[in-house]
Amino acid sequence: MVSASFRFYEELNDFLAAERRYRTFAVPCAEGATAKHAIEALGVPHTEVELILVNGESVGFDRKLAEGDRVAIYPRFEALDVTPLLRVRERPLRDTRFVADAHLGGLARLLRMAGFDTLYDNRFPDAEIVAIAGREGRIILSRDRELLKRREVSHGCYVHAIAPEEQLREIVERLDLARSARPFSLCLCCNTPLRPVAKAAVLDRLPERVRTDQERFSTCAACGRVYWEGSHWRAMRRMLDGLLPARGGEAAPVNATAGSAGSTGSPASG
């Protein structure tokens, strides 16, 4: 066994036992244990870590710990430029795309509402979520620490909030997504891009009041649902107004014909 001291910073402390938060503490580590093994043994998924310093030197997850090592572990940096230092991942993902675990269906729907490609199926086993993330370059969203600790997972976020709206705010703020949002551009059910559709083409599928009150519609080619800017759309718009930056007088860019929140399914959607 070797003894090393650890200090975790900022939100990483949320994963620690109360007596270890915001302070330096020493723990025994197995001979040959890596930084990743030690960090996760203390309860912190490696996906939450952006930078590791051992004795002041930037290292990767595979650094083996030695007697007396001083280990400092940092989360994702938002204000401090650490580009001269070695981060624990080779590069960020090119596109911000997600796969959510079985407990985050509400968050998945809200991320789609904001325009972020998010896969979700409550029947996905953990192994399938990991495989999808690796194959398609997606960030895993989960409240399961053990899932995020898997060796094959390179990009993931532990979701701290419980309510879906607070979860959305947490992810948008943590990953700085506000300026990348494209609200109401994806089907909330299929995660497929919406396209404008003429009113005449869907008239026979609309409730009577919608035929009278609405003029702009969009549809999903995958499930056939039709969307319009109804009361549900306005409620979602208000939620996004408080989260996304204003652009040109609006809270976020919205396709001129792609409202989503009043909707109707078609026979083709099954």
C-alpha atoms as a PDB file:
ATOM      1  CA  MET A   1       0.000   0.000   0.000  1.00  0.00           C
ATOM      2  CA  VAL A   2       1.041   3.594  -0.573  1.00  0.00           C
ATOM      3  CA  SER A   3      -0.369   6.737   1.006  1.00  0.00           C
ATOM      4  CA  ALA A   4      -1.299   9.747  -1.127  1.00  0.00           C
ATOM      5  CA  SER A   5      -3.063  13.008  -0.273  1.00  0.00           C
ATOM      6  CA  PHE A   6      -5.995  14.305  -2.322  1.00  0.00           C
ATOM      7  CA  ARG A   7      -7.713  17.663  -2.778  1.00  0.00           C
ATOM      8  CA  PHE A   8     -10.822  17.981  -4.949  1.00  0.00           C
ATOM      9  CA  TYR A   9     -12.048  21.332  -6.219  1.00  0.00           C
ATOM     10  CA  GLU A  10     -15.394  23.017  -6.806  1.00  0.00           C
ATOM     11  CA  GLU A  11     -18.380  20.762  -7.606  1.00  0.00           C
ATOM     12  CA  LEU A  12     -16.320  17.568  -7.422  1.00  0.00           C
ATOM     13  CA  ASN A  13     -16.696  17.857  -3.659  1.00  0.00           C
ATOM     14  CA  ASP A  14     -20.374  16.968  -4.024  1.00  0.00           C
ATOM     15  CA  PHE A  15     -19.334  13.367  -4.675  1.00  0.00           C
ATOM     16  CA  LEU A  16     -17.231  13.066  -1.517  1.00  0.00           C
ATOM     17  CA  ALA A  17     -18.102  12.086   2.024  1.00  0.00           C
ATOM     18  CA  ALA A  18     -18.843  15.217   4.054  1.00  0.00           C
ATOM     19  CA  GLU A  19     -15.654  15.014   6.121  1.00  0.00           C
ATOM     20  CA  ARG A  20     -13.495  15.064   2.976  1.00  0.00           C
ATOM     21  CA  ARG A  21     -15.021  18.043   1.201  1.00  0.00           C
ATOM     22  CA  TYR A  22     -12.984  21.200   0.520  1.00  0.00           C
ATOM     23  CA  ARG A  23      -9.897  19.956   2.338  1.00  0.00           C
ATOM     24  CA  THR A  24      -6.765  17.889   1.773  1.00  0.00           C
ATOM     25  CA  PHE A  25      -6.949  14.347   3.096  1.00  0.00           C
ATOM     26  CA  ALA A  26      -4.715  11.292   2.959  1.00  0.00           C
ATOM     27  CA  VAL A  27      -5.876   7.802   1.973  1.00  0.00           C
ATOM     28  CA  PRO A  28      -4.080   4.481   1.446  1.00  0.00           C
ATOM     29  CA  CYS A  29      -3.977   3.275  -2.165  1.00  0.00           C
ATOM     30  CA  ALA A  30      -3.219  -0.161  -3.554  1.00  0.00           C
ATOM     31  CA  GLU A  31       0.290  -0.680  -4.895  1.00  0.00           C
ATOM     32  CA  GLY A  32       0.260   0.266  -8.574  1.00  0.00           C
ATOM     33  CA  ALA A  33      -3.110   2.065  -8.376  1.00  0.00           C
ATOM     34  CA  THR A  34      -3.636   4.672 -11.074  1.00  0.00           C
ATOM     35  CA  ALA A  35      -5.030   8.171 -10.588  1.00  0.00           C
ATOM     36  CA  LYS A  36      -8.286   7.028 -12.211  1.00  0.00           C
ATOM     37  CA  HIS A  37      -8.677   4.083  -9.841  1.00  0.00           C
ATOM     38  CA  ALA A  38      -8.030   6.227  -6.772  1.00  0.00           C
ATOM     39  CA  ILE A  39     -10.329   9.062  -7.854  1.00  0.00           C
ATOM     40  CA  GLU A  40     -13.217   6.731  -8.617  1.00  0.00           C
ATOM     41  CA  ALA A  41     -12.670   4.732  -5.416  1.00  0.00           C
ATOM     42  CA  LEU A  42     -13.348   8.007  -3.616  1.00  0.00           C
ATOM     43  CA  GLY A  43     -16.679   8.316  -5.439  1.00  0.00           C
ATOM     44  CA  VAL A  44     -15.915  10.714  -8.298  1.00  0.00           C
ATOM     45  CA  PRO A  45     -16.650   9.453 -11.849  1.00  0.00           C
ATOM     46  CA  HIS A  46     -13.733  10.089 -14.190  1.00  0.00           C
ATOM     47  CA  THR A  47     -16.080  11.812 -16.660  1.00  0.00           C
ATOM     48  CA  GLU A  48     -16.389  14.700 -14.177  1.00  0.00           C
ATOM     49  CA  VAL A  49     -12.632  15.356 -14.109  1.00  0.00           C
ATOM     50  CA  GLU A  50     -10.854  17.729 -16.488  1.00  0.00           C
ATOM     51  CA  LEU A  51      -7.406  18.167 -14.967  1.00  0.00           C
ATOM     52  CA  ILE A  52      -5.222  16.182 -12.546  1.00  0.00           C
ATOM     53  CA  LEU A  53      -2.067  17.546 -10.959  1.00  0.00           C
ATOM     54  CA  VAL A  54       0.280  15.181  -9.101  1.00  0.00           C
ATOM     55  CA  ASN A  55       2.937  17.038  -7.150  1.00  0.00           C
ATOM     56  CA  GLY A  56       2.147  20.070  -9.311  1.00  0.00           C
ATOM     57  CA  GLU A  57       2.610  18.207 -12.613  1.00  0.00           C
ATOM     58  CA  SER A  58      -0.279  17.661 -15.025  1.00  0.00           C
ATOM     59  CA  VAL A  59      -0.884  13.930 -15.570  1.00  0.00           C
ATOM     60  CA  GLY A  60      -3.321  11.564 -17.215  1.00  0.00           C
ATOM     61  CA  PHE A  61      -5.650   9.010 -15.671  1.00  0.00           C
ATOM     62  CA  ASP A  62      -3.068   6.255 -16.112  1.00  0.00           C
ATOM     63  CA  ARG A  63      -0.481   7.876 -13.808  1.00  0.00           C
ATOM     64  CA  LYS A  64       0.486   5.351 -11.106  1.00  0.00           C
ATOM     65  CA  LEU A  65       0.497   6.788  -7.617  1.00  0.00           C
ATOM     66  CA  ALA A  66       3.549   6.632  -5.359  1.00  0.00           C
ATOM     67  CA  GLU A  67       4.111   7.115  -1.654  1.00  0.00           C
ATOM     68  CA  GLY A  68       3.579  10.725  -0.598  1.00  0.00           C
ATOM     69  CA  ASP A  69       2.048  11.934  -3.865  1.00  0.00           C
ATOM     70  CA  ARG A  70      -0.067  15.087  -3.634  1.00  0.00           C
ATOM     71  CA  VAL A  71      -3.022  14.851  -6.001  1.00  0.00           C
ATOM     72  CA  ALA A  72      -5.202  17.831  -6.978  1.00  0.00           C
ATOM     73  CA  ILE A  73      -8.297  17.110  -9.074  1.00  0.00           C
ATOM     74  CA  TYR A  74     -10.244  19.771 -10.962  1.00  0.00           C
ATOM     75  CA  PRO A  75     -13.587  19.761 -12.818  1.00  0.00           C
ATOM     76  CA  ARG A  76     -14.316  21.360 -16.178  1.00  0.00           C
ATOM     77  CA  PHE A  77     -12.954  24.917 -16.263  1.00  0.00           C
ATOM     78  CA  GLU A  78     -15.295  27.676 -17.366  1.00  0.00           C
ATOM     79  CA  ALA A  79     -13.278  30.819 -16.656  1.00  0.00           C
ATOM     80  CA  LEU A  80      -9.667  29.688 -16.294  1.00  0.00           C
ATOM     81  CA  ASP A  81      -7.592  28.953 -19.386  1.00  0.00           C
ATOM     82  CA  VAL A  82      -5.724  25.699 -18.787  1.00  0.00           C
ATOM     83  CA  THR A  83      -4.878  24.958 -22.428  1.00  0.00           C
ATOM     84  CA  PRO A  84      -1.102  24.928 -21.764  1.00  0.00           C
ATOM     85  CA  LEU A  85      -1.681  22.045 -19.357  1.00  0.00           C
ATOM     86  CA  LEU A  86      -2.351  18.421 -20.197  1.00  0.00           C
ATOM     87  CA  ARG A  87      -6.019  17.605 -19.889  1.00  0.00           C
ATOM     88  CA  VAL A  88      -7.181  14.069 -19.282  1.00  0.00           C
ATOM     89  CA  ARG A  89      -8.914  13.766 -22.686  1.00  0.00           C
ATOM     90  CA  GLU A  90      -7.183  14.078 -26.023  1.00  0.00           C
ATOM     91  CA  ARG A  91      -9.754  16.453 -27.481  1.00  0.00           C
ATOM     92  CA  PRO A  92     -13.330  17.669 -26.988  1.00  0.00           C
ATOM     93  CA  LEU A  93     -16.148  16.172 -29.014  1.00  0.00           C
ATOM     94  CA  ARG A  94     -16.687  17.921 -32.352  1.00  0.00           C
ATOM     95  CA  ASP A  95     -20.466  18.077 -31.936  1.00  0.00           C
ATOM     96  CA  THR A  96     -22.464  18.329 -28.733  1.00  0.00           C
ATOM     97  CA  ARG A  97     -24.749  15.310 -28.857  1.00  0.00           C
ATOM     98  CA  PHE A  98     -26.134  13.299 -25.975  1.00  0.00           C
ATOM     99  CA  VAL A  99     -27.452   9.911 -24.955  1.00  0.00           C
ATOM    100  CA  ALA A 100     -29.476   9.929 -21.727  1.00  0.00           C
ATOM    101  CA  ASP A 101     -29.978   7.011 -19.388  1.00  0.00           C
ATOM    102  CA  ALA A 102     -33.344   5.504 -18.449  1.00  0.00           C
ATOM    103  CA  HIS A 103     -33.967   7.950 -15.577  1.00  0.00           C
ATOM    104  CA  LEU A 104     -33.638  11.136 -17.642  1.00  0.00           C
ATOM    105  CA  GLY A 105     -36.525  11.003 -20.094  1.00  0.00           C
ATOM    106  CA  GLY A 106     -37.783  14.444 -19.073  1.00  0.00           C
ATOM    107  CA  LEU A 107     -34.354  15.988 -19.568  1.00  0.00           C
ATOM    108  CA  ALA A 108     -33.983  14.293 -22.959  1.00  0.00           C
ATOM    109  CA  ARG A 109     -37.254  15.832 -24.118  1.00  0.00           C
ATOM    110  CA  LEU A 110     -36.234  19.313 -22.937  1.00  0.00           C
ATOM    111  CA  LEU A 111     -32.823  19.056 -24.615  1.00  0.00           C
ATOM    112  CA  ARG A 112     -34.565  18.165 -27.867  1.00  0.00           C
ATOM    113  CA  MET A 113     -36.872  21.133 -27.347  1.00  0.00           C
ATOM    114  CA  ALA A 114     -33.757  23.337 -27.137  1.00  0.00           C
ATOM    115  CA  GLY A 115     -32.434  21.758 -30.335  1.00  0.00           C
ATOM    116  CA  PHE A 116     -29.811  19.329 -28.989  1.00  0.00           C
ATOM    117  CA  ASP A 117     -29.567  15.889 -30.571  1.00  0.00           C
ATOM    118  CA  THR A 118     -30.405  13.579 -27.651  1.00  0.00           C
ATOM    119  CA  LEU A 119     -30.975   9.833 -27.833  1.00  0.00           C
ATOM    120  CA  TYR A 120     -33.187   8.265 -25.189  1.00  0.00           C
ATOM    121  CA  ASP A 121     -34.945   4.958 -24.745  1.00  0.00           C
ATOM    122  CA  ASN A 122     -35.820   3.694 -21.276  1.00  0.00           C
ATOM    123  CA  ARG A 123     -35.136   0.177 -22.527  1.00  0.00           C
ATOM    124  CA  PHE A 124     -31.458   0.904 -23.273  1.00  0.00           C
ATOM    125  CA  PRO A 125     -29.264  -1.199 -20.958  1.00  0.00           C
ATOM    126  CA  ASP A 126     -26.123   0.490 -19.645  1.00  0.00           C
ATOM    127  CA  ALA A 127     -23.915  -1.474 -22.041  1.00  0.00           C
ATOM    128  CA  GLU A 128     -25.898  -0.180 -25.007  1.00  0.00           C
ATOM    129  CA  ILE A 129     -25.664   3.416 -23.774  1.00  0.00           C
ATOM    130  CA  VAL A 130     -21.887   3.068 -23.503  1.00  0.00           C
ATOM    131  CA  ALA A 131     -21.678   1.504 -26.973  1.00  0.00           C
ATOM    132  CA  ILE A 132     -23.799   4.251 -28.541  1.00  0.00           C
ATOM    133  CA  ALA A 133     -21.724   6.981 -26.890  1.00  0.00           C
ATOM    134  CA  GLY A 134     -18.479   5.498 -28.195  1.00  0.00           C
ATOM    135  CA  ARG A 135     -19.790   4.724 -31.658  1.00  0.00           C
ATOM    136  CA  GLU A 136     -21.523   8.052 -32.270  1.00  0.00           C
ATOM    137  CA  GLY A 137     -19.375  10.414 -30.198  1.00  0.00           C
ATOM    138  CA  ARG A 138     -22.118  11.272 -27.697  1.00  0.00           C
ATOM    139  CA  ILE A 139     -21.944  12.580 -24.131  1.00  0.00           C
ATOM    140  CA  ILE A 140     -23.609  10.267 -21.626  1.00  0.00           C
ATOM    141  CA  LEU A 141     -26.021  11.990 -19.240  1.00  0.00           C
ATOM    142  CA  SER A 142     -26.700  10.013 -16.087  1.00  0.00           C
ATOM    143  CA  ARG A 143     -27.372  10.080 -12.357  1.00  0.00           C
ATOM    144  CA  ASP A 144     -25.651   6.697 -12.053  1.00  0.00           C
ATOM    145  CA  ARG A 145     -22.039   7.119 -10.936  1.00  0.00           C
ATOM    146  CA  GLU A 146     -21.184   3.500 -11.722  1.00  0.00           C
ATOM    147  CA  LEU A 147     -22.221   3.936 -15.357  1.00  0.00           C
ATOM    148  CA  LEU A 148     -19.960   6.977 -15.714  1.00  0.00           C
ATOM    149  CA  LYS A 149     -17.056   5.143 -14.077  1.00  0.00           C
ATOM    150  CA  ARG A 150     -16.884   2.545 -16.847  1.00  0.00           C
ATOM    151  CA  ARG A 151     -13.496   2.490 -18.522  1.00  0.00           C
ATOM    152  CA  GLU A 152     -14.995   2.764 -22.017  1.00  0.00           C
ATOM    153  CA  VAL A 153     -16.744   6.063 -21.229  1.00  0.00           C
ATOM    154  CA  SER A 154     -14.722   9.096 -22.297  1.00  0.00           C
ATOM    155  CA  HIS A 155     -17.347  11.868 -22.170  1.00  0.00           C
ATOM    156  CA  GLY A 156     -20.166  12.033 -19.657  1.00  0.00           C
ATOM    157  CA  CYS A 157     -21.942  14.293 -17.203  1.00  0.00           C
ATOM    158  CA  TYR A 158     -23.365  13.375 -13.851  1.00  0.00           C
ATOM    159  CA  VAL A 159     -26.678  15.217 -13.508  1.00  0.00           C
ATOM    160  CA  HIS A 160     -27.101  16.607  -9.988  1.00  0.00           C
ATOM    161  CA  ALA A 161     -30.545  18.222 -10.275  1.00  0.00           C
ATOM    162  CA  ILE A 162     -33.743  16.195  -9.846  1.00  0.00           C
ATOM    163  CA  ALA A 163     -36.433  18.179 -11.695  1.00  0.00           C
ATOM    164  CA  PRO A 164     -36.146  18.147 -15.520  1.00  0.00           C
ATOM    165  CA  GLU A 165     -36.209  21.946 -15.894  1.00  0.00           C
ATOM    166  CA  GLU A 166     -33.407  22.312 -13.355  1.00  0.00           C
ATOM    167  CA  GLN A 167     -31.514  19.495 -15.072  1.00  0.00           C
ATOM    168  CA  LEU A 168     -31.744  21.379 -18.364  1.00  0.00           C
ATOM    169  CA  ARG A 169     -30.426  24.564 -16.752  1.00  0.00           C
ATOM    170  CA  GLU A 170     -27.575  22.606 -15.136  1.00  0.00           C
ATOM    171  CA  ILE A 171     -26.455  21.028 -18.420  1.00  0.00           C
ATOM    172  CA  VAL A 172     -26.782  24.229 -20.462  1.00  0.00           C
ATOM    173  CA  GLU A 173     -24.766  26.240 -17.930  1.00  0.00           C
ATOM    174  CA  ARG A 174     -22.154  23.580 -17.223  1.00  0.00           C
ATOM    175  CA  LEU A 175     -21.410  22.872 -20.896  1.00  0.00           C
ATOM    176  CA  ASP A 176     -21.932  26.488 -22.046  1.00  0.00           C
ATOM    177  CA  LEU A 177     -24.602  25.449 -24.553  1.00  0.00           C
ATOM    178  CA  ALA A 178     -26.785  28.556 -24.658  1.00  0.00           C
ATOM    179  CA  ARG A 179     -25.376  29.951 -27.901  1.00  0.00           C
ATOM    180  CA  SER A 180     -25.555  26.565 -29.624  1.00  0.00           C
ATOM    181  CA  ALA A 181     -29.266  26.086 -28.990  1.00  0.00           C
ATOM    182  CA  ARG A 182     -31.724  25.845 -31.899  1.00  0.00           C
ATOM    183  CA  PRO A 183     -35.083  25.713 -30.134  1.00  0.00           C
ATOM    184  CA  PHE A 184     -38.000  23.862 -31.722  1.00  0.00           C
ATOM    185  CA  SER A 185     -35.914  22.383 -34.528  1.00  0.00           C
ATOM    186  CA  LEU A 186     -36.230  18.720 -33.444  1.00  0.00           C
ATOM    187  CA  CYS A 187     -39.160  16.388 -32.902  1.00  0.00           C
ATOM    188  CA  LEU A 188     -39.640  15.969 -29.161  1.00  0.00           C
ATOM    189  CA  CYS A 189     -40.511  12.304 -29.616  1.00  0.00           C
ATOM    190  CA  CYS A 190     -38.162  11.147 -32.404  1.00  0.00           C
ATOM    191  CA  ASN A 191     -35.166  13.479 -32.131  1.00  0.00           C
ATOM    192  CA  THR A 192     -35.525  14.029 -35.886  1.00  0.00           C
ATOM    193  CA  PRO A 193     -35.170  17.480 -37.547  1.00  0.00           C
ATOM    194  CA  LEU A 194     -38.508  19.167 -38.199  1.00  0.00           C
ATOM    195  CA  ARG A 195     -39.380  20.634 -41.575  1.00  0.00           C
ATOM    196  CA  PRO A 196     -41.902  23.312 -42.528  1.00  0.00           C
ATOM    197  CA  VAL A 197     -45.194  22.080 -43.948  1.00  0.00           C
ATOM    198  CA  ALA A 198     -48.028  23.953 -45.631  1.00  0.00           C
ATOM    199  CA  LYS A 199     -51.257  24.238 -43.674  1.00  0.00           C
ATOM    200  CA  ALA A 200     -53.230  22.766 -46.554  1.00  0.00           C
ATOM    201  CA  ALA A 201     -51.114  19.604 -46.450  1.00  0.00           C
ATOM    202  CA  VAL A 202     -52.064  18.834 -42.826  1.00  0.00           C
ATOM    203  CA  LEU A 203     -55.479  20.478 -42.574  1.00  0.00           C
ATOM    204  CA  ASP A 204     -57.372  17.221 -42.192  1.00  0.00           C
ATOM    205  CA  ARG A 205     -55.185  16.230 -39.238  1.00  0.00           C
ATOM    206  CA  LEU A 206     -55.677  19.382 -37.172  1.00  0.00           C
ATOM    207  CA  PRO A 207     -58.135  20.013 -34.329  1.00  0.00           C
ATOM    208  CA  GLU A 208     -60.864  22.434 -35.362  1.00  0.00           C
ATOM    209  CA  ARG A 209     -59.634  25.315 -33.201  1.00  0.00           C
ATOM    210  CA  VAL A 210     -56.085  24.939 -34.517  1.00  0.00           C
ATOM    211  CA  ARG A 211     -57.368  25.155 -38.106  1.00  0.00           C
ATOM    212  CA  THR A 212     -58.818  28.558 -37.250  1.00  0.00           C
ATOM    213  CA  ASP A 213     -56.129  29.995 -34.979  1.00  0.00           C
ATOM    214  CA  GLN A 214     -52.800  28.766 -36.430  1.00  0.00           C
ATOM    215  CA  GLU A 215     -51.022  29.377 -39.741  1.00  0.00           C
ATOM    216  CA  ARG A 216     -47.472  28.050 -39.236  1.00  0.00           C
ATOM    217  CA  PHE A 217     -46.759  24.343 -38.982  1.00  0.00           C
ATOM    218  CA  SER A 218     -43.873  21.900 -39.051  1.00  0.00           C
ATOM    219  CA  THR A 219     -43.755  18.138 -39.214  1.00  0.00           C
ATOM    220  CA  CYS A 220     -41.516  15.196 -38.386  1.00  0.00           C
ATOM    221  CA  ALA A 221     -40.699  12.912 -41.292  1.00  0.00           C
ATOM    222  CA  ALA A 222     -40.084   9.991 -38.937  1.00  0.00           C
ATOM    223  CA  CYS A 223     -43.310   9.864 -36.906  1.00  0.00           C
ATOM    224  CA  GLY A 224     -45.563  12.221 -38.873  1.00  0.00           C
ATOM    225  CA  ARG A 225     -46.439  14.442 -35.915  1.00  0.00           C
ATOM    226  CA  VAL A 226     -47.489  17.991 -36.751  1.00  0.00           C
ATOM    227  CA  TYR A 227     -46.378  20.902 -34.556  1.00  0.00           C
ATOM    228  CA  TRP A 228     -47.723  24.432 -34.197  1.00  0.00           C
ATOM    229  CA  GLU A 229     -47.236  27.416 -31.900  1.00  0.00           C
ATOM    230  CA  GLY A 230     -49.962  26.721 -29.370  1.00  0.00           C
ATOM    231  CA  SER A 231     -50.249  27.283 -25.631  1.00  0.00           C
ATOM    232  CA  HIS A 232     -47.738  24.540 -24.849  1.00  0.00           C
ATOM    233  CA  TRP A 233     -45.250  26.152 -27.254  1.00  0.00           C
ATOM    234  CA  ARG A 234     -45.686  29.498 -25.471  1.00  0.00           C
ATOM    235  CA  ALA A 235     -45.034  27.880 -22.089  1.00  0.00           C
ATOM    236  CA  MET A 236     -41.821  26.288 -23.371  1.00  0.00           C
ATOM    237  CA  ARG A 237     -40.830  29.575 -25.009  1.00  0.00           C
ATOM    238  CA  ARG A 238     -41.105  31.346 -21.650  1.00  0.00           C
ATOM    239  CA  MET A 239     -38.945  28.687 -20.006  1.00  0.00           C
ATOM    240  CA  LEU A 240     -36.259  29.057 -22.664  1.00  0.00           C
ATOM    241  CA  ASP A 241     -36.375  32.868 -22.493  1.00  0.00           C
ATOM    242  CA  GLY A 242     -34.933  32.664 -19.001  1.00  0.00           C
ATOM    243  CA  LEU A 243     -32.171  30.291 -20.036  1.00  0.00           C
ATOM    244  CA  LEU A 244     -30.935  31.270 -23.483  1.00  0.00           C
ATOM    245  CA  PRO A 245     -29.410  34.590 -24.621  1.00  0.00           C
ATOM    246  CA  ALA A 246     -31.547  36.991 -26.615  1.00  0.00           C
ATOM    247  CA  ARG A 247     -30.805  37.246 -30.321  1.00  0.00           C
ATOM    248  CA  GLY A 248     -32.429  39.809 -32.520  1.00  0.00           C
ATOM    249  CA  GLY A 249     -35.211  40.446 -30.038  1.00  0.00           C
ATOM    250  CA  GLU A 250     -35.861  36.752 -29.355  1.00  0.00           C
ATOM    251  CA  ALA A 251     -34.502  34.527 -26.637  1.00  0.00           C
ATOM    252  CA  ALA A 252     -32.972  32.157 -29.185  1.00  0.00           C
ATOM    253  CA  PRO A 253     -33.088  31.440 -32.912  1.00  0.00           C
ATOM    254  CA  VAL A 254     -36.319  29.721 -33.867  1.00  0.00           C
ATOM    255  CA  ASN A 255     -37.116  28.393 -37.332  1.00  0.00           C
ATOM    256  CA  ALA A 256     -39.860  30.573 -38.736  1.00  0.00           C
ATOM    257  CA  THR A 257     -42.147  27.592 -39.271  1.00  0.00           C
ATOM    258  CA  ALA A 258     -40.897  25.231 -36.593  1.00  0.00           C
ATOM    259  CA  GLY A 259     -42.968  25.768 -33.504  1.00  0.00           C
ATOM    260  CA  SER A 260     -43.403  22.721 -31.338  1.00  0.00           C
ATOM    261  CA  ALA A 261     -45.802  22.171 -28.570  1.00  0.00           C
ATOM    262  CA  GLY A 262     -49.222  21.790 -29.925  1.00  0.00           C
ATOM    263  CA  SER A 263     -48.925  18.527 -31.832  1.00  0.00           C
ATOM    264  CA  THR A 264     -50.864  15.745 -33.389  1.00  0.00           C
ATOM    265  CA  GLY A 265     -49.732  12.293 -34.438  1.00  0.00           C
ATOM    266  CA  SER A 266     -50.528  10.814 -37.813  1.00  0.00           C
ATOM    267  CA  PRO A 267     -51.566   7.216 -38.571  1.00  0.00           C
ATOM    268  CA  ALA A 268     -48.092   6.737 -39.993  1.00  0.00           C
ATOM    269  CA  SER A 269     -46.551   7.281 -36.567  1.00  0.00           C
ATOM    270  CA  GLY A 270     -48.094   4.051 -35.273  1.00  0.00           C
END
